[in-house]
């Protein structure tokens, strides 16, 4: 058995890959072992036949409490060694997780319970959609420990809430609740804590029921829209639309739509 296997539960059902963080004793802290487990699962995901959606959740009290503060204090795990060693560990280890989430060909959903702070908050920002339990808490909390986000959180947060609000959340390191996250657009919906899993799985199932090729292309189009100029975005949209218009998936859905409309008359 892989030494990281107990840190992450994997479940594949009806096109949805559910990845459950499972290190309760550390609050699902993002140490090197957790990073390796989660990165590996995400990197393998694109090769899964029939994959339609990835759901990231937690089996414990918290989604992810960020880096392991005890490791920081002892200078172990990620923090072991000198500056150059730590930088390379970030680039080759933790950045692997950022790249793996960004490289997913299917939509990703974070179901956030409890705390999602520091690097844990950043992980949620890397997902395409976020749904929160009513008692979830968030914070870009790095300055509390004299740090900055080392895995790309500033890039994602700025694009999500705008530069001014991202700067405020970063420089104050303030915690905010699920209702504030909804107002900011950090999450798309807030549900009762005891309904979080059901609602997140239902959302994943709804996405998984969509046309697979068009869903993947739509995901890429929306992800990249914030990075492209309008002319480049129009070129990409035209190229993807042309592929879809020429494909069997689109034609089948058009025929089904017309048949359903005819039958309802």
C-alpha atoms as a PDB file:
ATOM      1  CA  UNK A   1       0.000   0.000   0.000  1.00  0.00           C
ATOM      2  CA  UNK A   2       1.290   3.471  -0.846  1.00  0.00           C
ATOM      3  CA  UNK A   3       2.226   5.434   2.294  1.00  0.00           C
ATOM      4  CA  UNK A   4       0.013   8.323   1.146  1.00  0.00           C
ATOM      5  CA  UNK A   5      -3.050   6.179   0.450  1.00  0.00           C
ATOM      6  CA  UNK A   6      -4.704   6.740   3.845  1.00  0.00           C
ATOM      7  CA  UNK A   7      -4.518  10.527   3.355  1.00  0.00           C
ATOM      8  CA  UNK A   8      -6.934  10.546   0.437  1.00  0.00           C
ATOM      9  CA  UNK A   9     -10.041   8.525  -0.343  1.00  0.00           C
ATOM     10  CA  UNK A  10     -10.886   8.077  -4.022  1.00  0.00           C
ATOM     11  CA  UNK A  11     -14.302   7.107  -5.374  1.00  0.00           C
ATOM     12  CA  UNK A  12     -15.384   6.916  -9.010  1.00  0.00           C
ATOM     13  CA  UNK A  13     -19.078   6.659  -9.804  1.00  0.00           C
ATOM     14  CA  UNK A  14     -21.103   7.668 -12.875  1.00  0.00           C
ATOM     15  CA  UNK A  15     -18.369   9.838 -14.321  1.00  0.00           C
ATOM     16  CA  UNK A  16     -17.606  11.720 -11.076  1.00  0.00           C
ATOM     17  CA  UNK A  17     -14.265  11.245  -9.331  1.00  0.00           C
ATOM     18  CA  UNK A  18     -14.642  12.178  -5.650  1.00  0.00           C
ATOM     19  CA  UNK A  19     -11.406  12.901  -3.787  1.00  0.00           C
ATOM     20  CA  UNK A  20     -11.818  13.147  -0.003  1.00  0.00           C
ATOM     21  CA  UNK A  21      -9.040  14.637   2.124  1.00  0.00           C
ATOM     22  CA  UNK A  22      -8.656  12.235   5.041  1.00  0.00           C
ATOM     23  CA  UNK A  23      -6.011  13.458   7.501  1.00  0.00           C
ATOM     24  CA  UNK A  24      -8.264  14.448  10.408  1.00  0.00           C
ATOM     25  CA  UNK A  25      -5.463  14.698  12.963  1.00  0.00           C
ATOM     26  CA  UNK A  26      -3.808  17.597  11.096  1.00  0.00           C
ATOM     27  CA  UNK A  27      -6.944  19.304   9.811  1.00  0.00           C
ATOM     28  CA  UNK A  28      -5.984  17.999   6.354  1.00  0.00           C
ATOM     29  CA  UNK A  29      -2.871  20.174   6.449  1.00  0.00           C
ATOM     30  CA  UNK A  30      -1.079  20.480   3.140  1.00  0.00           C
ATOM     31  CA  UNK A  31       2.223  18.786   3.904  1.00  0.00           C
ATOM     32  CA  UNK A  32       4.351  17.009   1.331  1.00  0.00           C
ATOM     33  CA  UNK A  33       2.595  13.655   1.801  1.00  0.00           C
ATOM     34  CA  UNK A  34      -0.884  15.158   1.321  1.00  0.00           C
ATOM     35  CA  UNK A  35       0.373  17.137  -1.664  1.00  0.00           C
ATOM     36  CA  UNK A  36       1.789  14.001  -3.247  1.00  0.00           C
ATOM     37  CA  UNK A  37      -1.407  12.027  -2.668  1.00  0.00           C
ATOM     38  CA  UNK A  38      -3.700  14.706  -4.064  1.00  0.00           C
ATOM     39  CA  UNK A  39      -1.424  15.672  -6.959  1.00  0.00           C
ATOM     40  CA  UNK A  40      -1.046  12.064  -8.033  1.00  0.00           C
ATOM     41  CA  UNK A  41      -4.790  11.456  -8.024  1.00  0.00           C
ATOM     42  CA  UNK A  42      -5.429  14.611 -10.067  1.00  0.00           C
ATOM     43  CA  UNK A  43      -2.675  13.805 -12.554  1.00  0.00           C
ATOM     44  CA  UNK A  44      -4.175  10.364 -13.157  1.00  0.00           C
ATOM     45  CA  UNK A  45      -7.688  11.736 -13.532  1.00  0.00           C
ATOM     46  CA  UNK A  46      -7.515  12.814 -17.173  1.00  0.00           C
ATOM     47  CA  UNK A  47      -6.753   9.229 -18.195  1.00  0.00           C
ATOM     48  CA  UNK A  48      -9.915   7.840 -16.553  1.00  0.00           C
ATOM     49  CA  UNK A  49     -12.358   6.705 -19.278  1.00  0.00           C
ATOM     50  CA  UNK A  50     -15.676   8.508 -19.093  1.00  0.00           C
ATOM     51  CA  UNK A  51     -14.582  11.046 -16.488  1.00  0.00           C
ATOM     52  CA  UNK A  52     -16.958  14.029 -16.416  1.00  0.00           C
ATOM     53  CA  UNK A  53     -16.254  15.901 -13.165  1.00  0.00           C
ATOM     54  CA  UNK A  54     -13.943  15.947 -10.120  1.00  0.00           C
ATOM     55  CA  UNK A  55     -15.325  16.661  -6.646  1.00  0.00           C
ATOM     56  CA  UNK A  56     -12.876  17.633  -3.899  1.00  0.00           C
ATOM     57  CA  UNK A  57     -14.145  17.336  -0.325  1.00  0.00           C
ATOM     58  CA  UNK A  58     -13.112  16.382   3.204  1.00  0.00           C
ATOM     59  CA  UNK A  59     -14.090  13.544   5.513  1.00  0.00           C
ATOM     60  CA  UNK A  60     -13.100  15.523   8.599  1.00  0.00           C
ATOM     61  CA  UNK A  61     -14.104  18.608  10.549  1.00  0.00           C
ATOM     62  CA  UNK A  62     -12.209  20.979   8.250  1.00  0.00           C
ATOM     63  CA  UNK A  63     -11.616  21.150   4.512  1.00  0.00           C
ATOM     64  CA  UNK A  64      -7.934  22.108   4.790  1.00  0.00           C
ATOM     65  CA  UNK A  65      -6.207  24.214   7.446  1.00  0.00           C
ATOM     66  CA  UNK A  66      -3.245  25.119   5.234  1.00  0.00           C
ATOM     67  CA  UNK A  67       0.366  24.332   6.003  1.00  0.00           C
ATOM     68  CA  UNK A  68       1.311  22.310   9.065  1.00  0.00           C
ATOM     69  CA  UNK A  69       2.346  24.898  11.695  1.00  0.00           C
ATOM     70  CA  UNK A  70       4.107  22.259  13.809  1.00  0.00           C
ATOM     71  CA  UNK A  71       6.314  21.425  10.827  1.00  0.00           C
ATOM     72  CA  UNK A  72       7.029  25.128  10.379  1.00  0.00           C
ATOM     73  CA  UNK A  73       8.080  25.372  14.030  1.00  0.00           C
ATOM     74  CA  UNK A  74      10.362  22.338  13.818  1.00  0.00           C
ATOM     75  CA  UNK A  75      11.720  23.139  10.351  1.00  0.00           C
ATOM     76  CA  UNK A  76      10.665  19.748   9.023  1.00  0.00           C
ATOM     77  CA  UNK A  77       8.812  18.424   5.973  1.00  0.00           C
ATOM     78  CA  UNK A  78       8.397  21.247   3.431  1.00  0.00           C
ATOM     79  CA  UNK A  79      10.493  23.619   5.573  1.00  0.00           C
ATOM     80  CA  UNK A  80      13.546  21.350   5.872  1.00  0.00           C
ATOM     81  CA  UNK A  81      16.846  22.766   4.614  1.00  0.00           C
ATOM     82  CA  UNK A  82      17.958  26.112   3.269  1.00  0.00           C
ATOM     83  CA  UNK A  83      16.204  28.696   1.117  1.00  0.00           C
ATOM     84  CA  UNK A  84      17.141  27.091  -2.196  1.00  0.00           C
ATOM     85  CA  UNK A  85      15.953  23.671  -1.044  1.00  0.00           C
ATOM     86  CA  UNK A  86      12.614  25.018   0.184  1.00  0.00           C
ATOM     87  CA  UNK A  87      12.102  26.953  -3.047  1.00  0.00           C
ATOM     88  CA  UNK A  88      12.761  23.853  -5.145  1.00  0.00           C
ATOM     89  CA  UNK A  89      10.418  21.836  -2.924  1.00  0.00           C
ATOM     90  CA  UNK A  90       7.695  24.397  -3.539  1.00  0.00           C
ATOM     91  CA  UNK A  91       8.297  24.436  -7.282  1.00  0.00           C
ATOM     92  CA  UNK A  92       8.576  20.672  -7.728  1.00  0.00           C
ATOM     93  CA  UNK A  93       6.169  19.602  -4.962  1.00  0.00           C
ATOM     94  CA  UNK A  94       3.392  22.012  -4.058  1.00  0.00           C
ATOM     95  CA  UNK A  95       3.293  23.638  -7.495  1.00  0.00           C
ATOM     96  CA  UNK A  96       2.645  20.177  -8.866  1.00  0.00           C
ATOM     97  CA  UNK A  97      -0.757  20.366  -7.167  1.00  0.00           C
ATOM     98  CA  UNK A  98      -1.520  23.778  -8.679  1.00  0.00           C
ATOM     99  CA  UNK A  99      -0.598  22.563 -12.143  1.00  0.00           C
ATOM    100  CA  UNK A 100      -2.573  19.326 -11.750  1.00  0.00           C
ATOM    101  CA  UNK A 101      -5.780  21.142 -10.798  1.00  0.00           C
ATOM    102  CA  UNK A 102      -5.338  23.611 -13.638  1.00  0.00           C
ATOM    103  CA  UNK A 103      -4.618  20.814 -16.135  1.00  0.00           C
ATOM    104  CA  UNK A 104      -7.846  18.924 -15.412  1.00  0.00           C
ATOM    105  CA  UNK A 105      -9.814  18.554 -18.613  1.00  0.00           C
ATOM    106  CA  UNK A 106     -13.111  18.318 -16.735  1.00  0.00           C
ATOM    107  CA  UNK A 107     -14.758  20.746 -14.295  1.00  0.00           C
ATOM    108  CA  UNK A 108     -13.719  20.615 -10.636  1.00  0.00           C
ATOM    109  CA  UNK A 109     -15.837  21.378  -7.568  1.00  0.00           C
ATOM    110  CA  UNK A 110     -14.659  22.101  -4.023  1.00  0.00           C
ATOM    111  CA  UNK A 111     -17.166  21.243  -1.280  1.00  0.00           C
ATOM    112  CA  UNK A 112     -15.949  23.317   1.662  1.00  0.00           C
ATOM    113  CA  UNK A 113     -16.737  22.396   5.260  1.00  0.00           C
ATOM    114  CA  UNK A 114     -15.152  23.982   8.315  1.00  0.00           C
ATOM    115  CA  UNK A 115     -11.933  25.886   7.707  1.00  0.00           C
ATOM    116  CA  UNK A 116     -10.329  26.499   4.314  1.00  0.00           C
ATOM    117  CA  UNK A 117      -7.443  28.779   5.190  1.00  0.00           C
ATOM    118  CA  UNK A 118      -4.019  29.612   3.824  1.00  0.00           C
ATOM    119  CA  UNK A 119      -3.016  27.003   1.290  1.00  0.00           C
ATOM    120  CA  UNK A 120      -6.334  25.258   1.952  1.00  0.00           C
ATOM    121  CA  UNK A 121      -8.171  28.360   0.777  1.00  0.00           C
ATOM    122  CA  UNK A 122      -5.901  28.558  -2.247  1.00  0.00           C
ATOM    123  CA  UNK A 123      -6.786  24.986  -3.229  1.00  0.00           C
ATOM    124  CA  UNK A 124     -10.464  25.905  -3.308  1.00  0.00           C
ATOM    125  CA  UNK A 125      -9.670  28.918  -5.512  1.00  0.00           C
ATOM    126  CA  UNK A 126      -8.016  26.611  -8.037  1.00  0.00           C
ATOM    127  CA  UNK A 127     -11.244  24.643  -8.476  1.00  0.00           C
ATOM    128  CA  UNK A 128     -13.789  25.755 -11.061  1.00  0.00           C
ATOM    129  CA  UNK A 129     -16.712  25.846  -8.614  1.00  0.00           C
ATOM    130  CA  UNK A 130     -16.975  26.161  -4.842  1.00  0.00           C
ATOM    131  CA  UNK A 131     -19.943  25.261  -2.667  1.00  0.00           C
ATOM    132  CA  UNK A 132     -19.790  25.857   1.100  1.00  0.00           C
ATOM    133  CA  UNK A 133     -21.477  24.630   4.228  1.00  0.00           C
ATOM    134  CA  UNK A 134     -23.059  27.419   6.242  1.00  0.00           C
ATOM    135  CA  UNK A 135     -20.355  27.285   8.929  1.00  0.00           C
ATOM    136  CA  UNK A 136     -17.404  27.217   6.547  1.00  0.00           C
ATOM    137  CA  UNK A 137     -14.648  29.786   7.164  1.00  0.00           C
ATOM    138  CA  UNK A 138     -12.089  31.178   4.767  1.00  0.00           C
ATOM    139  CA  UNK A 139      -8.898  33.221   5.042  1.00  0.00           C
ATOM    140  CA  UNK A 140      -5.874  34.143   2.960  1.00  0.00           C
ATOM    141  CA  UNK A 141      -4.073  33.970   6.264  1.00  0.00           C
ATOM    142  CA  UNK A 142      -0.368  33.824   5.354  1.00  0.00           C
ATOM    143  CA  UNK A 143       0.666  37.149   6.887  1.00  0.00           C
ATOM    144  CA  UNK A 144      -0.405  35.866  10.311  1.00  0.00           C
ATOM    145  CA  UNK A 145       2.656  33.619  10.073  1.00  0.00           C
ATOM    146  CA  UNK A 146       4.894  36.058   8.196  1.00  0.00           C
ATOM    147  CA  UNK A 147       4.394  34.306   4.857  1.00  0.00           C
ATOM    148  CA  UNK A 148       2.833  34.794   1.427  1.00  0.00           C
ATOM    149  CA  UNK A 149       0.914  32.309  -0.676  1.00  0.00           C
ATOM    150  CA  UNK A 150       3.554  30.090  -2.234  1.00  0.00           C
ATOM    151  CA  UNK A 151       1.332  28.046  -4.562  1.00  0.00           C
ATOM    152  CA  UNK A 152      -0.363  30.672  -6.717  1.00  0.00           C
ATOM    153  CA  UNK A 153      -3.236  31.780  -4.510  1.00  0.00           C
ATOM    154  CA  UNK A 154      -2.701  35.467  -5.267  1.00  0.00           C
ATOM    155  CA  UNK A 155      -3.092  34.766  -9.004  1.00  0.00           C
ATOM    156  CA  UNK A 156      -6.401  32.971  -8.525  1.00  0.00           C
ATOM    157  CA  UNK A 157      -7.805  35.259  -5.821  1.00  0.00           C
ATOM    158  CA  UNK A 158      -7.138  38.440  -7.816  1.00  0.00           C
ATOM    159  CA  UNK A 159      -8.977  37.059 -10.820  1.00  0.00           C
ATOM    160  CA  UNK A 160     -11.894  35.959  -8.669  1.00  0.00           C
ATOM    161  CA  UNK A 161     -12.584  39.017  -6.494  1.00  0.00           C
ATOM    162  CA  UNK A 162     -10.570  41.771  -8.200  1.00  0.00           C
ATOM    163  CA  UNK A 163      -7.222  43.362  -7.239  1.00  0.00           C
ATOM    164  CA  UNK A 164      -8.507  45.687  -4.501  1.00  0.00           C
ATOM    165  CA  UNK A 165     -10.455  43.050  -2.550  1.00  0.00           C
ATOM    166  CA  UNK A 166      -7.697  40.492  -3.048  1.00  0.00           C
ATOM    167  CA  UNK A 167      -5.233  42.993  -1.603  1.00  0.00           C
ATOM    168  CA  UNK A 168      -7.490  43.636   1.400  1.00  0.00           C
ATOM    169  CA  UNK A 169      -8.013  39.936   2.136  1.00  0.00           C
ATOM    170  CA  UNK A 170      -4.285  39.312   1.798  1.00  0.00           C
ATOM    171  CA  UNK A 171      -3.014  42.236   3.865  1.00  0.00           C
ATOM    172  CA  UNK A 172      -5.550  41.845   6.686  1.00  0.00           C
ATOM    173  CA  UNK A 173      -5.479  38.018   6.742  1.00  0.00           C
ATOM    174  CA  UNK A 174      -9.038  38.324   8.024  1.00  0.00           C
ATOM    175  CA  UNK A 175     -11.318  35.323   8.377  1.00  0.00           C
ATOM    176  CA  UNK A 176     -14.679  35.542   6.654  1.00  0.00           C
ATOM    177  CA  UNK A 177     -17.726  33.332   6.794  1.00  0.00           C
ATOM    178  CA  UNK A 178     -19.681  31.494   4.132  1.00  0.00           C
ATOM    179  CA  UNK A 179     -22.223  34.279   3.624  1.00  0.00           C
ATOM    180  CA  UNK A 180     -19.424  36.789   2.985  1.00  0.00           C
ATOM    181  CA  UNK A 181     -17.792  34.313   0.618  1.00  0.00           C
ATOM    182  CA  UNK A 182     -21.064  34.171  -1.286  1.00  0.00           C
ATOM    183  CA  UNK A 183     -21.275  37.977  -1.479  1.00  0.00           C
ATOM    184  CA  UNK A 184     -17.697  38.155  -2.777  1.00  0.00           C
ATOM    185  CA  UNK A 185     -18.301  35.464  -5.376  1.00  0.00           C
ATOM    186  CA  UNK A 186     -15.757  33.152  -3.758  1.00  0.00           C
ATOM    187  CA  UNK A 187     -18.453  30.475  -3.565  1.00  0.00           C
ATOM    188  CA  UNK A 188     -21.456  30.051  -5.829  1.00  0.00           C
ATOM    189  CA  UNK A 189     -23.805  28.739  -3.140  1.00  0.00           C
ATOM    190  CA  UNK A 190     -24.081  28.146   0.614  1.00  0.00           C
ATOM    191  CA  UNK A 191     -26.055  25.227   2.013  1.00  0.00           C
ATOM    192  CA  UNK A 192     -26.756  23.771   5.480  1.00  0.00           C
ATOM    193  CA  UNK A 193     -23.752  21.839   6.751  1.00  0.00           C
ATOM    194  CA  UNK A 194     -25.679  18.574   6.807  1.00  0.00           C
ATOM    195  CA  UNK A 195     -26.671  19.082   3.168  1.00  0.00           C
ATOM    196  CA  UNK A 196     -23.210  19.953   1.831  1.00  0.00           C
ATOM    197  CA  UNK A 197     -22.297  16.497   0.557  1.00  0.00           C
ATOM    198  CA  UNK A 198     -25.685  15.880  -1.034  1.00  0.00           C
ATOM    199  CA  UNK A 199     -25.738  19.283  -2.737  1.00  0.00           C
ATOM    200  CA  UNK A 200     -22.153  18.995  -3.978  1.00  0.00           C
ATOM    201  CA  UNK A 201     -22.721  15.490  -5.323  1.00  0.00           C
ATOM    202  CA  UNK A 202     -25.939  16.610  -7.003  1.00  0.00           C
ATOM    203  CA  UNK A 203     -24.103  19.491  -8.684  1.00  0.00           C
ATOM    204  CA  UNK A 204     -21.355  17.127  -9.840  1.00  0.00           C
ATOM    205  CA  UNK A 205     -23.961  14.694 -11.177  1.00  0.00           C
ATOM    206  CA  UNK A 206     -25.716  17.481 -13.082  1.00  0.00           C
ATOM    207  CA  UNK A 207     -22.437  18.511 -14.698  1.00  0.00           C
ATOM    208  CA  UNK A 208     -21.576  14.879 -15.437  1.00  0.00           C
ATOM    209  CA  UNK A 209     -24.915  14.459 -17.233  1.00  0.00           C
ATOM    210  CA  UNK A 210     -24.039  17.183 -19.747  1.00  0.00           C
ATOM    211  CA  UNK A 211     -22.527  16.620 -23.201  1.00  0.00           C
ATOM    212  CA  UNK A 212     -18.946  15.578 -22.421  1.00  0.00           C
ATOM    213  CA  UNK A 213     -17.068  17.180 -25.301  1.00  0.00           C
ATOM    214  CA  UNK A 214     -18.875  20.500 -25.112  1.00  0.00           C
ATOM    215  CA  UNK A 215     -18.554  20.551 -21.308  1.00  0.00           C
ATOM    216  CA  UNK A 216     -14.785  20.103 -21.495  1.00  0.00           C
ATOM    217  CA  UNK A 217     -14.458  22.825 -24.112  1.00  0.00           C
ATOM    218  CA  UNK A 218     -16.711  25.188 -22.168  1.00  0.00           C
ATOM    219  CA  UNK A 219     -14.599  24.608 -19.064  1.00  0.00           C
ATOM    220  CA  UNK A 220     -11.415  25.533 -20.910  1.00  0.00           C
ATOM    221  CA  UNK A 221     -13.044  28.567 -22.520  1.00  0.00           C
ATOM    222  CA  UNK A 222     -14.218  30.012 -19.209  1.00  0.00           C
ATOM    223  CA  UNK A 223     -10.942  29.244 -17.401  1.00  0.00           C
ATOM    224  CA  UNK A 224      -8.869  31.017 -20.015  1.00  0.00           C
ATOM    225  CA  UNK A 225     -11.155  33.990 -20.584  1.00  0.00           C
ATOM    226  CA  UNK A 226      -9.512  35.997 -17.805  1.00  0.00           C
ATOM    227  CA  UNK A 227      -6.073  35.502 -19.330  1.00  0.00           C
ATOM    228  CA  UNK A 228      -6.764  36.280 -22.983  1.00  0.00           C
ATOM    229  CA  UNK A 229      -7.312  39.520 -24.828  1.00  0.00           C
ATOM    230  CA  UNK A 230     -10.722  39.856 -26.478  1.00  0.00           C
ATOM    231  CA  UNK A 231      -9.325  39.139 -29.987  1.00  0.00           C
ATOM    232  CA  UNK A 232      -7.575  36.005 -28.691  1.00  0.00           C
ATOM    233  CA  UNK A 233     -10.702  34.925 -26.802  1.00  0.00           C
ATOM    234  CA  UNK A 234     -12.806  35.351 -29.949  1.00  0.00           C
ATOM    235  CA  UNK A 235     -10.354  33.246 -31.943  1.00  0.00           C
ATOM    236  CA  UNK A 236     -10.485  30.507 -29.330  1.00  0.00           C
ATOM    237  CA  UNK A 237     -14.276  30.635 -29.157  1.00  0.00           C
ATOM    238  CA  UNK A 238     -14.564  30.350 -32.940  1.00  0.00           C
ATOM    239  CA  UNK A 239     -12.153  27.419 -33.088  1.00  0.00           C
ATOM    240  CA  UNK A 240     -13.930  25.474 -30.340  1.00  0.00           C
ATOM    241  CA  UNK A 241     -17.377  26.242 -31.722  1.00  0.00           C
ATOM    242  CA  UNK A 242     -16.364  25.080 -35.179  1.00  0.00           C
ATOM    243  CA  UNK A 243     -15.182  21.769 -33.772  1.00  0.00           C
ATOM    244  CA  UNK A 244     -18.430  21.310 -31.877  1.00  0.00           C
ATOM    245  CA  UNK A 245     -20.674  22.327 -34.795  1.00  0.00           C
ATOM    246  CA  UNK A 246     -18.939  19.728 -36.949  1.00  0.00           C
ATOM    247  CA  UNK A 247     -19.158  16.984 -34.341  1.00  0.00           C
ATOM    248  CA  UNK A 248     -21.595  14.138 -33.761  1.00  0.00           C
ATOM    249  CA  UNK A 249     -22.383  15.206 -30.186  1.00  0.00           C
ATOM    250  CA  UNK A 250     -23.912  18.512 -31.288  1.00  0.00           C
ATOM    251  CA  UNK A 251     -25.859  16.947 -34.149  1.00  0.00           C
ATOM    252  CA  UNK A 252     -27.317  14.278 -31.877  1.00  0.00           C
ATOM    253  CA  UNK A 253     -28.455  16.872 -29.332  1.00  0.00           C
ATOM    254  CA  UNK A 254     -30.055  19.010 -32.044  1.00  0.00           C
ATOM    255  CA  UNK A 255     -31.988  16.014 -33.376  1.00  0.00           C
ATOM    256  CA  UNK A 256     -33.098  15.131 -29.851  1.00  0.00           C
ATOM    257  CA  UNK A 257     -34.182  18.704 -29.167  1.00  0.00           C
ATOM    258  CA  UNK A 258     -36.283  18.850 -32.360  1.00  0.00           C
ATOM    259  CA  UNK A 259     -37.793  15.431 -31.698  1.00  0.00           C
ATOM    260  CA  UNK A 260     -38.756  16.420 -28.130  1.00  0.00           C
ATOM    261  CA  UNK A 261     -40.288  19.685 -29.322  1.00  0.00           C
ATOM    262  CA  UNK A 262     -42.259  17.879 -32.017  1.00  0.00           C
ATOM    263  CA  UNK A 263     -43.526  15.297 -29.531  1.00  0.00           C
ATOM    264  CA  UNK A 264     -44.712  17.995 -27.125  1.00  0.00           C
ATOM    265  CA  UNK A 265     -46.956  19.667 -29.701  1.00  0.00           C
END
